[in-house]
Structure formats: structure tokens, C-alpha cells
């Protein structure tokens, strides 16, 4: 009995993919291990919009979204532009007693370091600057070559890197912390939100959309098709 396909209104579960491209056939079903019961089962290529459920426990194995990789690529290109804006322009500016202060993301981390809060500065730089940059770079590394009809180099390493950095890209935590600080500083000085603040808010939604739409199973299916096409 094979896995069943049901509508997309299922609880989100990250599928653990067991790839099997040994046959070299373009339409060969991939092997997926259920993240809940560890049952390994074959999932046919293609299919309509929806979610593929485990035939034993009903957990979601993967989701079928038409043109998921192309949409994810567009979102990541937009995220790269927005992330650049977030790092170039100031997050906010303060006017108090005739003094004007403004800071970018990197300047905020440096200010925390100079104030003696080096561990906090390191975490801010890591989770708000380094990890989001790595996530965007890894996604573009995977998706751009596929769009050009080429299998990306270092696919396994980049996929593992992406899985490792995603939990540490905490743009939403920074956005919520900034909102709290705005409420407190607004009573003490004239506060003006900069372009970087709005860019970080947009980046939060772009990451959320990309995580929802990105279909890892479709990525490996396309890689398998490209490799079988180039095989002698």
C-alpha cells in the first residue's frame, strides 16, 4: 500500500528524505522516511496540489505546490535585496536634547560590545546578520543553478548547512524586540524608524513564506532528472 494524497490542510511536519537515485530513471519514485514512524515508502513523482501523508501513521511526508522552487527562488532574490537594505540603512534614529543618534544592525552589535555585553553582541550579530545571510546564500546556491538547468555543486553540504542555519536565523525575534524598545524609547525621545526596520519586518515575512513554499522533495526530484539527463 502506497502513501495517500490528501488536501493541503494538514499539520506541518518536516519530512526526512531518504533519496534513492540509483535507478537513473527520470520518473522513478523517491524514497521518503516518515518523520513520525520511520516507515520508508515510495512517493511517485509529480502529482496535484496537496500534501502526501504516510500510509501507516498519517503524518505529512511532503507537500505538493506547483512551481514551488520557482516561487521560492523569487522570494529569496527579494529577500537578498531586502537584507541588503536592512544592513546598509539605519534601523532607527533618536533625537534627544539636541543630539541625533542612529545605528545600523552592525553598529548596534558594536555598541553592545563596547557596553560590555559581548555575548549579547555576538548573539545579535550571529542571529540577525550572519545566519540570515547564510540561509539566503544557501537557498540561492541551490535554486539558481536549478533554474538554469544545472545541478548545483556541493548539493549535500549546502543542504545540510541550510538545515543547520535555519533555526538560528531569528529575524522575527529581533523585530519583536525592536517593537518593545520602540514602546519604551518613544517616551524618552523622538524616535524615527529607519528603512532597515521595515526591511527586517519584510524579511521576516519573506522567510516565513519561503519556508512554507520551499519543497525539498521537488528539489531532489529536479536534481535527479538533471543527473539522469546528463548521464551517458
C-alpha atoms as a PDB file:
ATOM      1  CA  UNK A   1       0.000   0.000   0.000  1.00  0.00           C
ATOM      2  CA  UNK A   2       1.458   3.360  -1.006  1.00  0.00           C
ATOM      3  CA  UNK A   3       1.246   6.753   0.624  1.00  0.00           C
ATOM      4  CA  UNK A   4      -2.004   8.659   0.299  1.00  0.00           C
ATOM      5  CA  UNK A   5      -2.501  12.168  -1.060  1.00  0.00           C
ATOM      6  CA  UNK A   6      -4.814  14.433   0.865  1.00  0.00           C
ATOM      7  CA  UNK A   7      -5.679  18.164   0.779  1.00  0.00           C
ATOM      8  CA  UNK A   8      -3.083  20.651   1.974  1.00  0.00           C
ATOM      9  CA  UNK A   9      -4.830  21.408   5.319  1.00  0.00           C
ATOM     10  CA  UNK A  10      -2.509  19.195   7.342  1.00  0.00           C
ATOM     11  CA  UNK A  11      -0.363  19.886  10.340  1.00  0.00           C
ATOM     12  CA  UNK A  12       3.165  20.988   9.342  1.00  0.00           C
ATOM     13  CA  UNK A  13       5.721  18.209   9.647  1.00  0.00           C
ATOM     14  CA  UNK A  14       9.241  18.298   8.254  1.00  0.00           C
ATOM     15  CA  UNK A  15       9.850  15.254   6.105  1.00  0.00           C
ATOM     16  CA  UNK A  16      13.074  13.314   6.389  1.00  0.00           C
ATOM     17  CA  UNK A  17      14.099  12.469   2.875  1.00  0.00           C
ATOM     18  CA  UNK A  18      15.793   9.197   2.012  1.00  0.00           C
ATOM     19  CA  UNK A  19      16.935   9.820  -1.557  1.00  0.00           C
ATOM     20  CA  UNK A  20      17.354   6.976  -3.980  1.00  0.00           C
ATOM     21  CA  UNK A  21      18.592   7.974  -7.397  1.00  0.00           C
ATOM     22  CA  UNK A  22      20.366   4.717  -8.217  1.00  0.00           C
ATOM     23  CA  UNK A  23      17.985   3.702 -10.947  1.00  0.00           C
ATOM     24  CA  UNK A  24      18.721   6.788 -13.050  1.00  0.00           C
ATOM     25  CA  UNK A  25      15.132   6.870 -14.275  1.00  0.00           C
ATOM     26  CA  UNK A  26      13.543  10.268 -14.517  1.00  0.00           C
ATOM     27  CA  UNK A  27      10.159   9.135 -13.191  1.00  0.00           C
ATOM     28  CA  UNK A  28      11.466   6.749 -10.522  1.00  0.00           C
ATOM     29  CA  UNK A  29       9.692   7.379  -7.205  1.00  0.00           C
ATOM     30  CA  UNK A  30      11.859   8.689  -4.386  1.00  0.00           C
ATOM     31  CA  UNK A  31      12.091   7.024  -1.005  1.00  0.00           C
ATOM     32  CA  UNK A  32      10.823   9.024   1.958  1.00  0.00           C
ATOM     33  CA  UNK A  33      11.208   8.072   5.598  1.00  0.00           C
ATOM     34  CA  UNK A  34       8.268   9.101   7.744  1.00  0.00           C
ATOM     35  CA  UNK A  35       9.434  11.559  10.451  1.00  0.00           C
ATOM     36  CA  UNK A  36       6.970  10.049  12.949  1.00  0.00           C
ATOM     37  CA  UNK A  37       7.069   6.256  12.490  1.00  0.00           C
ATOM     38  CA  UNK A  38      10.232   5.872  10.287  1.00  0.00           C
ATOM     39  CA  UNK A  39       8.394   3.866   7.633  1.00  0.00           C
ATOM     40  CA  UNK A  40      10.274   4.133   4.330  1.00  0.00           C
ATOM     41  CA  UNK A  41       7.906   4.359   1.383  1.00  0.00           C
ATOM     42  CA  UNK A  42       7.974   5.354  -2.261  1.00  0.00           C
ATOM     43  CA  UNK A  43       6.327   8.575  -3.362  1.00  0.00           C
ATOM     44  CA  UNK A  44       5.543   8.969  -7.071  1.00  0.00           C
ATOM     45  CA  UNK A  45       6.926  11.974  -8.927  1.00  0.00           C
ATOM     46  CA  UNK A  46       4.565  14.755  -9.890  1.00  0.00           C
ATOM     47  CA  UNK A  47       1.060  14.984  -8.504  1.00  0.00           C
ATOM     48  CA  UNK A  48      -1.518  17.656  -7.811  1.00  0.00           C
ATOM     49  CA  UNK A  49      -1.563  20.352  -5.159  1.00  0.00           C
ATOM     50  CA  UNK A  50      -1.785  18.901  -1.669  1.00  0.00           C
ATOM     51  CA  UNK A  51       0.129  17.008   0.989  1.00  0.00           C
ATOM     52  CA  UNK A  52       1.384  13.421   0.855  1.00  0.00           C
ATOM     53  CA  UNK A  53       0.641  11.509   4.041  1.00  0.00           C
ATOM     54  CA  UNK A  54       2.286   8.417   5.500  1.00  0.00           C
ATOM     55  CA  UNK A  55       0.274   5.293   4.747  1.00  0.00           C
ATOM     56  CA  UNK A  56       0.816   3.967   8.291  1.00  0.00           C
ATOM     57  CA  UNK A  57       0.525   6.875  10.734  1.00  0.00           C
ATOM     58  CA  UNK A  58      -0.870   9.679   8.557  1.00  0.00           C
ATOM     59  CA  UNK A  59       1.978  12.152   9.207  1.00  0.00           C
ATOM     60  CA  UNK A  60       2.801  14.608   6.430  1.00  0.00           C
ATOM     61  CA  UNK A  61       5.727  13.443   4.315  1.00  0.00           C
ATOM     62  CA  UNK A  62       5.916  16.351   1.861  1.00  0.00           C
ATOM     63  CA  UNK A  63       3.741  18.959   0.197  1.00  0.00           C
ATOM     64  CA  UNK A  64       2.935  19.387  -3.479  1.00  0.00           C
ATOM     65  CA  UNK A  65       2.922  23.053  -4.520  1.00  0.00           C
ATOM     66  CA  UNK A  66       3.024  23.879  -8.241  1.00  0.00           C
ATOM     67  CA  UNK A  67       6.184  25.782  -9.244  1.00  0.00           C
ATOM     68  CA  UNK A  68       7.335  25.730  -5.618  1.00  0.00           C
ATOM     69  CA  UNK A  69      11.033  26.058  -6.479  1.00  0.00           C
ATOM     70  CA  UNK A  70      10.475  28.987  -8.841  1.00  0.00           C
ATOM     71  CA  UNK A  71       8.382  30.827  -6.256  1.00  0.00           C
ATOM     72  CA  UNK A  72      10.969  30.102  -3.549  1.00  0.00           C
ATOM     73  CA  UNK A  73      13.705  31.461  -5.822  1.00  0.00           C
ATOM     74  CA  UNK A  74      11.770  34.688  -6.406  1.00  0.00           C
ATOM     75  CA  UNK A  75      11.242  35.058  -2.662  1.00  0.00           C
ATOM     76  CA  UNK A  76      14.938  34.512  -1.946  1.00  0.00           C
ATOM     77  CA  UNK A  77      16.054  37.053  -4.537  1.00  0.00           C
ATOM     78  CA  UNK A  78      13.674  39.541  -2.957  1.00  0.00           C
ATOM     79  CA  UNK A  79      14.991  38.574   0.485  1.00  0.00           C
ATOM     80  CA  UNK A  80      18.569  39.212  -0.664  1.00  0.00           C
ATOM     81  CA  UNK A  81      17.641  42.738  -1.775  1.00  0.00           C
ATOM     82  CA  UNK A  82      15.699  43.428   1.414  1.00  0.00           C
ATOM     83  CA  UNK A  83      18.515  42.004   3.568  1.00  0.00           C
ATOM     84  CA  UNK A  84      20.999  44.340   1.880  1.00  0.00           C
ATOM     85  CA  UNK A  85      18.753  47.304   2.664  1.00  0.00           C
ATOM     86  CA  UNK A  86      18.448  46.136   6.271  1.00  0.00           C
ATOM     87  CA  UNK A  87      22.231  46.142   6.687  1.00  0.00           C
ATOM     88  CA  UNK A  88      23.010  49.376   4.856  1.00  0.00           C
ATOM     89  CA  UNK A  89      20.396  51.755   6.257  1.00  0.00           C
ATOM     90  CA  UNK A  90      19.814  52.631   9.952  1.00  0.00           C
ATOM     91  CA  UNK A  91      17.281  50.677  11.967  1.00  0.00           C
ATOM     92  CA  UNK A  92      16.079  53.710  13.894  1.00  0.00           C
ATOM     93  CA  UNK A  93      17.204  57.186  14.903  1.00  0.00           C
ATOM     94  CA  UNK A  94      16.824  59.080  18.183  1.00  0.00           C
ATOM     95  CA  UNK A  95      16.641  62.828  18.782  1.00  0.00           C
ATOM     96  CA  UNK A  96      17.057  63.753  22.432  1.00  0.00           C
ATOM     97  CA  UNK A  97      18.213  67.069  23.921  1.00  0.00           C
ATOM     98  CA  UNK A  98      19.601  68.251  20.615  1.00  0.00           C
ATOM     99  CA  UNK A  99      21.576  65.063  19.969  1.00  0.00           C
ATOM    100  CA  UNK A 100      20.887  62.834  16.992  1.00  0.00           C
ATOM    101  CA  UNK A 101      21.823  59.146  17.052  1.00  0.00           C
ATOM    102  CA  UNK A 102      21.187  56.419  14.520  1.00  0.00           C
ATOM    103  CA  UNK A 103      22.543  52.900  14.123  1.00  0.00           C
ATOM    104  CA  UNK A 104      22.632  50.071  11.637  1.00  0.00           C
ATOM    105  CA  UNK A 105      22.415  46.410  12.643  1.00  0.00           C
ATOM    106  CA  UNK A 106      26.194  46.055  12.761  1.00  0.00           C
ATOM    107  CA  UNK A 107      26.557  49.305  14.693  1.00  0.00           C
ATOM    108  CA  UNK A 108      24.076  48.018  17.272  1.00  0.00           C
ATOM    109  CA  UNK A 109      26.158  44.880  17.798  1.00  0.00           C
ATOM    110  CA  UNK A 110      29.313  47.007  18.148  1.00  0.00           C
ATOM    111  CA  UNK A 111      27.578  49.262  20.667  1.00  0.00           C
ATOM    112  CA  UNK A 112      26.616  46.264  22.778  1.00  0.00           C
ATOM    113  CA  UNK A 113      30.226  45.065  22.664  1.00  0.00           C
ATOM    114  CA  UNK A 114      31.552  48.465  23.783  1.00  0.00           C
ATOM    115  CA  UNK A 115      28.992  48.466  26.612  1.00  0.00           C
ATOM    116  CA  UNK A 116      30.491  45.274  27.980  1.00  0.00           C
ATOM    117  CA  UNK A 117      27.770  42.954  26.698  1.00  0.00           C
ATOM    118  CA  UNK A 118      29.970  40.999  24.313  1.00  0.00           C
ATOM    119  CA  UNK A 119      27.980  37.718  24.466  1.00  0.00           C
ATOM    120  CA  UNK A 120      24.781  39.593  23.625  1.00  0.00           C
ATOM    121  CA  UNK A 121      26.547  41.450  20.813  1.00  0.00           C
ATOM    122  CA  UNK A 122      27.808  38.142  19.428  1.00  0.00           C
ATOM    123  CA  UNK A 123      24.310  36.628  19.515  1.00  0.00           C
ATOM    124  CA  UNK A 124      22.789  39.674  17.807  1.00  0.00           C
ATOM    125  CA  UNK A 125      25.387  39.597  15.033  1.00  0.00           C
ATOM    126  CA  UNK A 126      25.052  35.827  14.658  1.00  0.00           C
ATOM    127  CA  UNK A 127      21.264  35.515  14.597  1.00  0.00           C
ATOM    128  CA  UNK A 128      20.374  38.757  12.798  1.00  0.00           C
ATOM    129  CA  UNK A 129      23.237  39.173  10.310  1.00  0.00           C
ATOM    130  CA  UNK A 130      25.338  36.033   9.817  1.00  0.00           C
ATOM    131  CA  UNK A 131      22.702  33.282   9.885  1.00  0.00           C
ATOM    132  CA  UNK A 132      20.125  35.041   7.679  1.00  0.00           C
ATOM    133  CA  UNK A 133      22.897  35.792   5.188  1.00  0.00           C
ATOM    134  CA  UNK A 134      23.944  32.135   5.169  1.00  0.00           C
ATOM    135  CA  UNK A 135      20.343  30.992   4.703  1.00  0.00           C
ATOM    136  CA  UNK A 136      19.811  33.314   1.748  1.00  0.00           C
ATOM    137  CA  UNK A 137      23.147  32.309   0.202  1.00  0.00           C
ATOM    138  CA  UNK A 138      22.431  28.591   0.629  1.00  0.00           C
ATOM    139  CA  UNK A 139      18.962  28.873  -0.894  1.00  0.00           C
ATOM    140  CA  UNK A 140      20.262  30.832  -3.869  1.00  0.00           C
ATOM    141  CA  UNK A 141      23.114  28.336  -4.286  1.00  0.00           C
ATOM    142  CA  UNK A 142      20.566  25.542  -4.583  1.00  0.00           C
ATOM    143  CA  UNK A 143      17.847  27.253  -6.605  1.00  0.00           C
ATOM    144  CA  UNK A 144      19.679  29.427  -9.146  1.00  0.00           C
ATOM    145  CA  UNK A 145      21.528  26.526 -10.870  1.00  0.00           C
ATOM    146  CA  UNK A 146      18.300  24.505 -10.987  1.00  0.00           C
ATOM    147  CA  UNK A 147      16.557  27.411 -12.685  1.00  0.00           C
ATOM    148  CA  UNK A 148      19.382  27.427 -15.251  1.00  0.00           C
ATOM    149  CA  UNK A 149      19.029  23.677 -15.784  1.00  0.00           C
ATOM    150  CA  UNK A 150      22.184  22.672 -13.908  1.00  0.00           C
ATOM    151  CA  UNK A 151      22.548  20.532 -10.792  1.00  0.00           C
ATOM    152  CA  UNK A 152      24.171  22.651  -8.061  1.00  0.00           C
ATOM    153  CA  UNK A 153      27.658  21.764  -6.842  1.00  0.00           C
ATOM    154  CA  UNK A 154      28.073  20.579  -3.279  1.00  0.00           C
ATOM    155  CA  UNK A 155      24.390  19.797  -3.015  1.00  0.00           C
ATOM    156  CA  UNK A 156      24.610  17.607   0.089  1.00  0.00           C
ATOM    157  CA  UNK A 157      26.884  20.015   2.000  1.00  0.00           C
ATOM    158  CA  UNK A 158      24.781  23.068   1.180  1.00  0.00           C
ATOM    159  CA  UNK A 159      21.553  21.228   2.099  1.00  0.00           C
ATOM    160  CA  UNK A 160      22.999  20.269   5.483  1.00  0.00           C
ATOM    161  CA  UNK A 161      24.239  23.831   6.007  1.00  0.00           C
ATOM    162  CA  UNK A 162      20.786  25.180   5.227  1.00  0.00           C
ATOM    163  CA  UNK A 163      19.157  22.813   7.695  1.00  0.00           C
ATOM    164  CA  UNK A 164      21.693  23.822  10.362  1.00  0.00           C
ATOM    165  CA  UNK A 165      21.409  27.615   9.998  1.00  0.00           C
ATOM    166  CA  UNK A 166      17.636  27.908   9.619  1.00  0.00           C
ATOM    167  CA  UNK A 167      16.822  27.572  13.340  1.00  0.00           C
ATOM    168  CA  UNK A 168      19.390  30.290  14.147  1.00  0.00           C
ATOM    169  CA  UNK A 169      18.116  32.930  11.714  1.00  0.00           C
ATOM    170  CA  UNK A 170      15.970  34.781  14.249  1.00  0.00           C
ATOM    171  CA  UNK A 171      14.793  37.810  12.313  1.00  0.00           C
ATOM    172  CA  UNK A 172      11.369  37.648  13.946  1.00  0.00           C
ATOM    173  CA  UNK A 173      12.900  37.766  17.444  1.00  0.00           C
ATOM    174  CA  UNK A 174      14.811  40.920  16.545  1.00  0.00           C
ATOM    175  CA  UNK A 175      11.675  42.513  15.082  1.00  0.00           C
ATOM    176  CA  UNK A 176       9.672  41.807  18.232  1.00  0.00           C
ATOM    177  CA  UNK A 177      12.498  43.116  20.442  1.00  0.00           C
ATOM    178  CA  UNK A 178      12.660  46.278  18.336  1.00  0.00           C
ATOM    179  CA  UNK A 179       8.922  46.803  18.767  1.00  0.00           C
ATOM    180  CA  UNK A 180       9.290  46.533  22.546  1.00  0.00           C
ATOM    181  CA  UNK A 181      12.173  49.012  22.592  1.00  0.00           C
ATOM    182  CA  UNK A 182      10.192  51.432  20.425  1.00  0.00           C
ATOM    183  CA  UNK A 183       7.437  51.496  23.023  1.00  0.00           C
ATOM    184  CA  UNK A 184       9.902  52.318  25.784  1.00  0.00           C
ATOM    185  CA  UNK A 185      12.160  54.774  23.968  1.00  0.00           C
ATOM    186  CA  UNK A 186       9.228  56.638  22.471  1.00  0.00           C
ATOM    187  CA  UNK A 187       8.509  58.150  25.895  1.00  0.00           C
ATOM    188  CA  UNK A 188      12.069  59.402  26.317  1.00  0.00           C
ATOM    189  CA  UNK A 189      12.994  60.834  22.932  1.00  0.00           C
ATOM    190  CA  UNK A 190      11.815  61.492  19.410  1.00  0.00           C
ATOM    191  CA  UNK A 191      12.192  58.143  17.690  1.00  0.00           C
ATOM    192  CA  UNK A 192      12.126  57.635  13.940  1.00  0.00           C
ATOM    193  CA  UNK A 193      12.044  54.210  12.333  1.00  0.00           C
ATOM    194  CA  UNK A 194      14.589  53.740   9.585  1.00  0.00           C
ATOM    195  CA  UNK A 195      14.421  51.784   6.357  1.00  0.00           C
ATOM    196  CA  UNK A 196      16.252  48.863   7.962  1.00  0.00           C
ATOM    197  CA  UNK A 197      13.446  48.319  10.468  1.00  0.00           C
ATOM    198  CA  UNK A 198      10.835  47.966   7.733  1.00  0.00           C
ATOM    199  CA  UNK A 199      13.237  45.816   5.738  1.00  0.00           C
ATOM    200  CA  UNK A 200      13.653  43.439   8.683  1.00  0.00           C
ATOM    201  CA  UNK A 201       9.881  43.210   9.023  1.00  0.00           C
ATOM    202  CA  UNK A 202       9.556  42.380   5.334  1.00  0.00           C
ATOM    203  CA  UNK A 203      12.407  39.875   5.627  1.00  0.00           C
ATOM    204  CA  UNK A 204      10.559  38.096   8.423  1.00  0.00           C
ATOM    205  CA  UNK A 205       7.536  37.525   6.180  1.00  0.00           C
ATOM    206  CA  UNK A 206       9.701  36.534   3.203  1.00  0.00           C
ATOM    207  CA  UNK A 207      11.470  33.872   5.256  1.00  0.00           C
ATOM    208  CA  UNK A 208       8.145  32.563   6.558  1.00  0.00           C
ATOM    209  CA  UNK A 209       6.722  32.330   3.033  1.00  0.00           C
ATOM    210  CA  UNK A 210       9.865  30.692   1.659  1.00  0.00           C
ATOM    211  CA  UNK A 211       9.904  28.095   4.455  1.00  0.00           C
ATOM    212  CA  UNK A 212       6.271  27.270   3.700  1.00  0.00           C
ATOM    213  CA  UNK A 213       6.610  27.084  -0.077  1.00  0.00           C
ATOM    214  CA  UNK A 214      10.073  25.552  -0.458  1.00  0.00           C
ATOM    215  CA  UNK A 215       9.636  21.898  -1.438  1.00  0.00           C
ATOM    216  CA  UNK A 216      12.751  19.900  -0.629  1.00  0.00           C
ATOM    217  CA  UNK A 217      11.293  16.836  -2.266  1.00  0.00           C
ATOM    218  CA  UNK A 218      10.734  18.740  -5.536  1.00  0.00           C
ATOM    219  CA  UNK A 219      14.333  19.962  -5.369  1.00  0.00           C
ATOM    220  CA  UNK A 220      15.721  16.438  -5.204  1.00  0.00           C
ATOM    221  CA  UNK A 221      13.343  15.293  -7.931  1.00  0.00           C
ATOM    222  CA  UNK A 222      14.622  18.015 -10.255  1.00  0.00           C
ATOM    223  CA  UNK A 223      18.232  17.193  -9.404  1.00  0.00           C
ATOM    224  CA  UNK A 224      17.575  13.529 -10.173  1.00  0.00           C
ATOM    225  CA  UNK A 225      16.034  14.464 -13.522  1.00  0.00           C
ATOM    226  CA  UNK A 226      19.025  16.658 -14.438  1.00  0.00           C
ATOM    227  CA  UNK A 227      21.516  13.968 -13.466  1.00  0.00           C
ATOM    228  CA  UNK A 228      19.705  11.264 -15.391  1.00  0.00           C
ATOM    229  CA  UNK A 229      19.535  13.542 -18.427  1.00  0.00           C
ATOM    230  CA  UNK A 230      23.284  14.166 -18.345  1.00  0.00           C
ATOM    231  CA  UNK A 231      24.174  10.518 -17.628  1.00  0.00           C
ATOM    232  CA  UNK A 232      25.712   8.634 -20.597  1.00  0.00           C
END
